[in-house]
Amino acid sequence: MKPTKNKFYCKDSGQSKMLFETEKKANNFIKFNSDEIEAETGYKPVRSYYCMYCDGWHVTSQAEFDAGKWSRTERVINLYRQDQEKIAIEREKEKAERKKATEIAKIKAKEKEKIEKEKVTKNQKIKTDILGNIEKTIKTLKTNGKRADYIEVLNRAFEELNIAKQILGSSKKQKQIENQLNILRHRFRKKMEQLQYKEWFEKQKK
C-alpha cells in the first residue's frame, strides 16, 4: 500500500508529494515501495531529488532530470544567478574600463610632463643665451665707457633682462647681472650730471 503519512502539498511543483528528511530515506522508500506504487498508479518512482521550497527530498518517476522542467524556486534561483553573473561581468567590464582610463591618463600625464620639461629646458637655454649676451654687453660697456650709443646699449640690456625674467622668473645669476647693469646706469647718470654741470659752469664764466 502506498504510504500517505508523509505526503505534503508542494507549492513549487503544484501537487502533493512525499517529503523525506534525507536522501537516504527517500531512496529507501523507492527501494521498498516502487513496485507496489507502479502496480497501483502505473508510475514507478526511480530517483529522489532535493526540493528547495519544501527543504526536503521528493521522489519522482522521471528517470533523468529535465532542464526544461525546473521547479519555480529553481527557476527564480537560476534567474537570480544569471542576473548576478551579468552584474559581475558588467563590474569586471567597468573595472577594466577604469583601469584602461587610468593607464591612458597616466600616459597623457607623462607626455605632458615630458613636454613641460622640454619646454623648461628650451626656455632655460634661451634665458642662458640672453644672460650670456647681457654679460658680454656689460663687459663691452665697462671697457668702452665713452661710446656714443652707451645708453642705448644699456637700455637694450635691461629689455633683454626683462625678457629673461618673463621666461623662467628670477635667479641668482640674473640678480647679479641686474645689479651690474644698475651700477653702470648709475655711473652713466653721474657722468652725465658732471658733464651738464661743467657745461653750465663754463657758461657762467662767460
C-alpha atoms as a PDB file:
ATOM      1  CA  MET A   1       0.000   0.000   0.000  1.00  0.00           C
ATOM      2  CA  LYS A   2       1.354   3.428  -0.922  1.00  0.00           C
ATOM      3  CA  PRO A   3       2.286   5.407   2.275  1.00  0.00           C
ATOM      4  CA  THR A   4       0.460   8.698   2.771  1.00  0.00           C
ATOM      5  CA  LYS A   5       1.547   9.846   6.239  1.00  0.00           C
ATOM      6  CA  ASN A   6       4.414  11.996   4.969  1.00  0.00           C
ATOM      7  CA  LYS A   7       2.568  13.387   1.969  1.00  0.00           C
ATOM      8  CA  PHE A   8       2.509  17.207   1.666  1.00  0.00           C
ATOM      9  CA  TYR A   9       1.350  19.727  -0.865  1.00  0.00           C
ATOM     10  CA  CYS A  10       4.413  21.145  -2.648  1.00  0.00           C
ATOM     11  CA  LYS A  11       3.693  24.675  -3.859  1.00  0.00           C
ATOM     12  CA  ASP A  12       6.796  24.538  -6.009  1.00  0.00           C
ATOM     13  CA  SER A  13       5.500  21.657  -8.144  1.00  0.00           C
ATOM     14  CA  GLY A  14       1.822  22.454  -7.570  1.00  0.00           C
ATOM     15  CA  GLN A  15       0.927  18.933  -6.422  1.00  0.00           C
ATOM     16  CA  SER A  16       1.034  16.587  -3.416  1.00  0.00           C
ATOM     17  CA  LYS A  17       4.422  14.986  -2.877  1.00  0.00           C
ATOM     18  CA  MET A  18       6.069  12.572  -0.487  1.00  0.00           C
ATOM     19  CA  LEU A  19       8.530  14.506   1.687  1.00  0.00           C
ATOM     20  CA  PHE A  20      11.601  12.920   3.283  1.00  0.00           C
ATOM     21  CA  GLU A  21      14.135  14.477   5.630  1.00  0.00           C
ATOM     22  CA  THR A  22      17.137  12.841   3.965  1.00  0.00           C
ATOM     23  CA  GLU A  23      18.110  11.458   0.586  1.00  0.00           C
ATOM     24  CA  LYS A  24      18.757   8.085   2.185  1.00  0.00           C
ATOM     25  CA  LYS A  25      15.162   7.850   3.465  1.00  0.00           C
ATOM     26  CA  ALA A  26      13.814   8.864   0.062  1.00  0.00           C
ATOM     27  CA  ASN A  27      15.926   6.215  -1.695  1.00  0.00           C
ATOM     28  CA  ASN A  28      14.892   3.514   0.810  1.00  0.00           C
ATOM     29  CA  PHE A  29      11.283   4.420   0.138  1.00  0.00           C
ATOM     30  CA  ILE A  30      11.883   3.881  -3.600  1.00  0.00           C
ATOM     31  CA  LYS A  31      13.677   0.609  -2.907  1.00  0.00           C
ATOM     32  CA  PHE A  32      10.861  -0.938  -0.880  1.00  0.00           C
ATOM     33  CA  ASN A  33       7.760   0.683  -2.444  1.00  0.00           C
ATOM     34  CA  SER A  34       8.417   1.450  -6.119  1.00  0.00           C
ATOM     35  CA  ASP A  35       6.974  -1.805  -7.498  1.00  0.00           C
ATOM     36  CA  GLU A  36       3.795  -1.531  -5.439  1.00  0.00           C
ATOM     37  CA  ILE A  37       3.306   2.108  -6.465  1.00  0.00           C
ATOM     38  CA  GLU A  38       3.798   1.181 -10.131  1.00  0.00           C
ATOM     39  CA  ALA A  39       1.184  -1.576  -9.805  1.00  0.00           C
ATOM     40  CA  GLU A  40      -1.318   0.883  -8.342  1.00  0.00           C
ATOM     41  CA  THR A  41      -0.663   4.034 -10.370  1.00  0.00           C
ATOM     42  CA  GLY A  42       1.290   2.939 -13.425  1.00  0.00           C
ATOM     43  CA  TYR A  43       4.157   5.231 -12.399  1.00  0.00           C
ATOM     44  CA  LYS A  44       7.291   3.870 -10.779  1.00  0.00           C
ATOM     45  CA  PRO A  45       9.467   6.227  -8.682  1.00  0.00           C
ATOM     46  CA  VAL A  46      13.050   5.770  -9.837  1.00  0.00           C
ATOM     47  CA  ARG A  47      15.019   8.553  -8.217  1.00  0.00           C
ATOM     48  CA  SER A  48      14.945  11.165  -5.450  1.00  0.00           C
ATOM     49  CA  TYR A  49      15.658  14.884  -5.688  1.00  0.00           C
ATOM     50  CA  TYR A  50      16.022  17.759  -3.283  1.00  0.00           C
ATOM     51  CA  CYS A  51      13.218  20.377  -3.195  1.00  0.00           C
ATOM     52  CA  MET A  52      14.416  23.821  -2.215  1.00  0.00           C
ATOM     53  CA  TYR A  53      10.922  25.058  -1.427  1.00  0.00           C
ATOM     54  CA  CYS A  54       9.993  22.163   0.900  1.00  0.00           C
ATOM     55  CA  ASP A  55      13.570  21.852   2.221  1.00  0.00           C
ATOM     56  CA  GLY A  56      13.429  18.097   1.878  1.00  0.00           C
ATOM     57  CA  TRP A  57      13.545  15.197  -0.575  1.00  0.00           C
ATOM     58  CA  HIS A  58      10.840  14.087  -3.019  1.00  0.00           C
ATOM     59  CA  VAL A  59      10.716  11.043  -5.302  1.00  0.00           C
ATOM     60  CA  THR A  60       9.857  11.059  -8.999  1.00  0.00           C
ATOM     61  CA  SER A  61       9.163   8.651 -11.823  1.00  0.00           C
ATOM     62  CA  GLN A  62      11.245  10.698 -14.256  1.00  0.00           C
ATOM     63  CA  ALA A  63      14.459   8.792 -14.830  1.00  0.00           C
ATOM     64  CA  GLU A  64      16.501  11.831 -15.837  1.00  0.00           C
ATOM     65  CA  PHE A  65      16.384  15.450 -14.818  1.00  0.00           C
ATOM     66  CA  ASP A  66      14.706  17.597 -17.469  1.00  0.00           C
ATOM     67  CA  ALA A  67      16.329  21.059 -17.535  1.00  0.00           C
ATOM     68  CA  GLY A  68      13.152  22.353 -19.142  1.00  0.00           C
ATOM     69  CA  LYS A  69      11.153  21.412 -16.051  1.00  0.00           C
ATOM     70  CA  TRP A  70      12.851  23.449 -13.387  1.00  0.00           C
ATOM     71  CA  SER A  71      10.776  23.988 -10.257  1.00  0.00           C
ATOM     72  CA  ARG A  72       9.522  27.505  -9.564  1.00  0.00           C
ATOM     73  CA  THR A  73      12.080  28.018  -6.815  1.00  0.00           C
ATOM     74  CA  GLU A  74      14.868  26.689  -9.046  1.00  0.00           C
ATOM     75  CA  ARG A  75      13.792  28.998 -11.873  1.00  0.00           C
ATOM     76  CA  VAL A  76      13.842  32.003  -9.540  1.00  0.00           C
ATOM     77  CA  ILE A  77      17.244  30.998  -8.183  1.00  0.00           C
ATOM     78  CA  ASN A  78      18.608  30.424 -11.702  1.00  0.00           C
ATOM     79  CA  LEU A  79      17.327  33.832 -12.814  1.00  0.00           C
ATOM     80  CA  TYR A  80      18.931  35.384  -9.754  1.00  0.00           C
ATOM     81  CA  ARG A  81      22.220  33.638 -10.511  1.00  0.00           C
ATOM     82  CA  GLN A  82      22.071  34.769 -14.131  1.00  0.00           C
ATOM     83  CA  ASP A  83      21.465  38.357 -13.007  1.00  0.00           C
ATOM     84  CA  GLN A  84      24.375  38.110 -10.582  1.00  0.00           C
ATOM     85  CA  GLU A  85      26.609  36.756 -13.350  1.00  0.00           C
ATOM     86  CA  LYS A  86      25.582  39.646 -15.611  1.00  0.00           C
ATOM     87  CA  ILE A  87      26.268  42.131 -12.807  1.00  0.00           C
ATOM     88  CA  ALA A  88      29.671  40.510 -12.180  1.00  0.00           C
ATOM     89  CA  ILE A  89      30.520  40.709 -15.904  1.00  0.00           C
ATOM     90  CA  GLU A  90      29.436  44.371 -16.015  1.00  0.00           C
ATOM     91  CA  ARG A  91      31.513  45.133 -12.935  1.00  0.00           C
ATOM     92  CA  GLU A  92      34.553  43.458 -14.461  1.00  0.00           C
ATOM     93  CA  LYS A  93      33.945  45.404 -17.663  1.00  0.00           C
ATOM     94  CA  GLU A  94      33.675  48.685 -15.739  1.00  0.00           C
ATOM     95  CA  LYS A  95      36.779  47.764 -13.752  1.00  0.00           C
ATOM     96  CA  ALA A  96      38.700  47.083 -16.968  1.00  0.00           C
ATOM     97  CA  GLU A  97      37.471  50.367 -18.473  1.00  0.00           C
ATOM     98  CA  ARG A  98      38.503  52.305 -15.354  1.00  0.00           C
ATOM     99  CA  LYS A  99      41.898  50.627 -15.423  1.00  0.00           C
ATOM    100  CA  LYS A 100      42.291  51.483 -19.106  1.00  0.00           C
ATOM    101  CA  ALA A 101      41.205  55.084 -18.467  1.00  0.00           C
ATOM    102  CA  THR A 102      43.706  55.334 -15.587  1.00  0.00           C
ATOM    103  CA  GLU A 103      46.515  53.983 -17.780  1.00  0.00           C
ATOM    104  CA  ILE A 104      45.618  56.433 -20.570  1.00  0.00           C
ATOM    105  CA  ALA A 105      45.544  59.288 -18.036  1.00  0.00           C
ATOM    106  CA  LYS A 106      48.992  58.247 -16.749  1.00  0.00           C
ATOM    107  CA  ILE A 107      50.383  58.124 -20.296  1.00  0.00           C
ATOM    108  CA  LYS A 108      48.953  61.573 -21.059  1.00  0.00           C
ATOM    109  CA  ALA A 109      50.332  62.928 -17.769  1.00  0.00           C
ATOM    110  CA  LYS A 110      53.792  61.558 -18.619  1.00  0.00           C
ATOM    111  CA  GLU A 111      53.600  63.040 -22.117  1.00  0.00           C
ATOM    112  CA  LYS A 112      52.542  66.395 -20.661  1.00  0.00           C
ATOM    113  CA  GLU A 113      55.342  66.223 -18.112  1.00  0.00           C
ATOM    114  CA  LYS A 114      57.818  65.426 -20.871  1.00  0.00           C
ATOM    115  CA  ILE A 115      56.593  68.370 -22.967  1.00  0.00           C
ATOM    116  CA  GLU A 116      56.815  70.680 -19.941  1.00  0.00           C
ATOM    117  CA  LYS A 117      60.355  69.510 -19.187  1.00  0.00           C
ATOM    118  CA  GLU A 118      61.364  70.049 -22.805  1.00  0.00           C
ATOM    119  CA  LYS A 119      59.765  73.484 -22.703  1.00  0.00           C
ATOM    120  CA  VAL A 120      61.596  74.371 -19.479  1.00  0.00           C
ATOM    121  CA  THR A 121      64.872  73.078 -20.922  1.00  0.00           C
ATOM    122  CA  LYS A 122      64.336  75.093 -24.096  1.00  0.00           C
ATOM    123  CA  ASN A 123      63.409  78.231 -22.151  1.00  0.00           C
ATOM    124  CA  GLN A 124      66.361  77.696 -19.843  1.00  0.00           C
ATOM    125  CA  LYS A 125      68.683  77.620 -22.867  1.00  0.00           C
ATOM    126  CA  ILE A 126      67.097  80.795 -24.263  1.00  0.00           C
ATOM    127  CA  LYS A 127      67.461  82.513 -20.892  1.00  0.00           C
ATOM    128  CA  THR A 128      71.070  81.346 -20.589  1.00  0.00           C
ATOM    129  CA  ASP A 129      71.829  82.735 -24.054  1.00  0.00           C
ATOM    130  CA  ILE A 130      70.173  86.064 -23.188  1.00  0.00           C
ATOM    131  CA  LEU A 131      72.085  86.390 -19.924  1.00  0.00           C
ATOM    132  CA  GLY A 132      75.284  85.450 -21.739  1.00  0.00           C
ATOM    133  CA  ASN A 133      74.703  88.247 -24.275  1.00  0.00           C
ATOM    134  CA  ILE A 134      73.999  90.741 -21.475  1.00  0.00           C
ATOM    135  CA  GLU A 135      77.259  89.764 -19.737  1.00  0.00           C
ATOM    136  CA  LYS A 136      79.118  90.448 -22.979  1.00  0.00           C
ATOM    137  CA  THR A 137      77.377  93.821 -23.218  1.00  0.00           C
ATOM    138  CA  ILE A 138      78.372  94.675 -19.641  1.00  0.00           C
ATOM    139  CA  LYS A 139      81.971  93.753 -20.399  1.00  0.00           C
ATOM    140  CA  THR A 140      81.902  95.941 -23.531  1.00  0.00           C
ATOM    141  CA  LEU A 141      80.439  98.921 -21.656  1.00  0.00           C
ATOM    142  CA  LYS A 142      82.991  98.591 -18.894  1.00  0.00           C
ATOM    143  CA  THR A 143      85.795  98.508 -21.456  1.00  0.00           C
ATOM    144  CA  ASN A 144      84.482 101.375 -23.568  1.00  0.00           C
ATOM    145  CA  GLY A 145      82.536 103.784 -21.373  1.00  0.00           C
ATOM    146  CA  LYS A 146      82.717 106.644 -23.903  1.00  0.00           C
ATOM    147  CA  ARG A 147      80.882 105.034 -26.824  1.00  0.00           C
ATOM    148  CA  ALA A 148      78.140 107.224 -28.291  1.00  0.00           C
ATOM    149  CA  ASP A 149      75.388 104.608 -28.050  1.00  0.00           C
ATOM    150  CA  TYR A 150      76.247 103.751 -24.426  1.00  0.00           C
ATOM    151  CA  ILE A 151      72.790 104.485 -23.007  1.00  0.00           C
ATOM    152  CA  GLU A 152      71.016 102.754 -25.951  1.00  0.00           C
ATOM    153  CA  VAL A 153      73.061  99.602 -25.446  1.00  0.00           C
ATOM    154  CA  LEU A 154      72.419  99.753 -21.707  1.00  0.00           C
ATOM    155  CA  ASN A 155      68.666 100.129 -22.217  1.00  0.00           C
ATOM    156  CA  ARG A 156      68.613  97.167 -24.627  1.00  0.00           C
ATOM    157  CA  ALA A 157      70.401  95.105 -21.969  1.00  0.00           C
ATOM    158  CA  PHE A 158      67.651  95.976 -19.469  1.00  0.00           C
ATOM    159  CA  GLU A 159      64.979  94.981 -22.011  1.00  0.00           C
ATOM    160  CA  GLU A 160      66.685  91.637 -22.585  1.00  0.00           C
ATOM    161  CA  LEU A 161      66.876  91.140 -18.824  1.00  0.00           C
ATOM    162  CA  ASN A 162      63.115  91.664 -18.517  1.00  0.00           C
ATOM    163  CA  ILE A 163      62.583  89.049 -21.249  1.00  0.00           C
ATOM    164  CA  ALA A 164      64.741  86.608 -19.283  1.00  0.00           C
ATOM    165  CA  LYS A 165      62.620  87.285 -16.160  1.00  0.00           C
ATOM    166  CA  GLN A 166      59.407  86.528 -18.042  1.00  0.00           C
ATOM    167  CA  ILE A 167      60.725  83.204 -19.353  1.00  0.00           C
ATOM    168  CA  LEU A 168      61.689  81.447 -16.125  1.00  0.00           C
ATOM    169  CA  GLY A 169      61.431  84.004 -13.348  1.00  0.00           C
ATOM    170  CA  SER A 170      64.252  85.297 -11.210  1.00  0.00           C
ATOM    171  CA  SER A 171      67.580  83.615 -10.454  1.00  0.00           C
ATOM    172  CA  LYS A 172      70.763  84.361  -8.545  1.00  0.00           C
ATOM    173  CA  LYS A 173      72.788  84.968 -11.699  1.00  0.00           C
ATOM    174  CA  GLN A 174      70.046  87.170 -13.094  1.00  0.00           C
ATOM    175  CA  LYS A 175      70.068  89.327  -9.956  1.00  0.00           C
ATOM    176  CA  GLN A 176      73.848  89.671 -10.157  1.00  0.00           C
ATOM    177  CA  ILE A 177      73.596  90.839 -13.780  1.00  0.00           C
ATOM    178  CA  GLU A 178      70.791  93.266 -12.874  1.00  0.00           C
ATOM    179  CA  ASN A 179      72.965  94.731 -10.095  1.00  0.00           C
ATOM    180  CA  GLN A 180      75.839  95.249 -12.563  1.00  0.00           C
ATOM    181  CA  LEU A 181      73.517  96.977 -15.046  1.00  0.00           C
ATOM    182  CA  ASN A 182      72.156  99.247 -12.305  1.00  0.00           C
ATOM    183  CA  ILE A 183      75.728 100.176 -11.315  1.00  0.00           C
ATOM    184  CA  LEU A 184      76.548 101.027 -14.953  1.00  0.00           C
ATOM    185  CA  ARG A 185      73.371 103.103 -15.295  1.00  0.00           C
ATOM    186  CA  HIS A 186      74.117 104.904 -12.034  1.00  0.00           C
ATOM    187  CA  ARG A 187      77.669 105.690 -13.180  1.00  0.00           C
ATOM    188  CA  PHE A 188      76.381 106.884 -16.556  1.00  0.00           C
ATOM    189  CA  ARG A 189      73.888 109.225 -14.904  1.00  0.00           C
ATOM    190  CA  LYS A 190      76.574 110.593 -12.570  1.00  0.00           C
ATOM    191  CA  LYS A 191      78.852 111.162 -15.515  1.00  0.00           C
ATOM    192  CA  MET A 192      76.082 112.959 -17.425  1.00  0.00           C
ATOM    193  CA  GLU A 193      75.330 115.122 -14.407  1.00  0.00           C
ATOM    194  CA  GLN A 194      79.012 116.064 -14.157  1.00  0.00           C
ATOM    195  CA  LEU A 195      79.124 116.973 -17.859  1.00  0.00           C
ATOM    196  CA  GLN A 196      75.964 119.063 -17.585  1.00  0.00           C
ATOM    197  CA  TYR A 197      77.354 120.862 -14.524  1.00  0.00           C
ATOM    198  CA  LYS A 198      80.641 121.501 -16.316  1.00  0.00           C
ATOM    199  CA  GLU A 199      78.805 122.974 -19.312  1.00  0.00           C
ATOM    200  CA  TRP A 200      76.702 125.153 -17.022  1.00  0.00           C
ATOM    201  CA  PHE A 201      79.767 126.305 -15.136  1.00  0.00           C
ATOM    202  CA  GLU A 202      81.598 127.234 -18.359  1.00  0.00           C
ATOM    203  CA  LYS A 203      78.591 129.312 -19.490  1.00  0.00           C
ATOM    204  CA  GLN A 204      78.565 131.136 -16.169  1.00  0.00           C
ATOM    205  CA  LYS A 205      82.246 132.071 -16.561  1.00  0.00           C
ATOM    206  CA  LYS A 206      81.470 133.759 -19.869  1.00  0.00           C
END
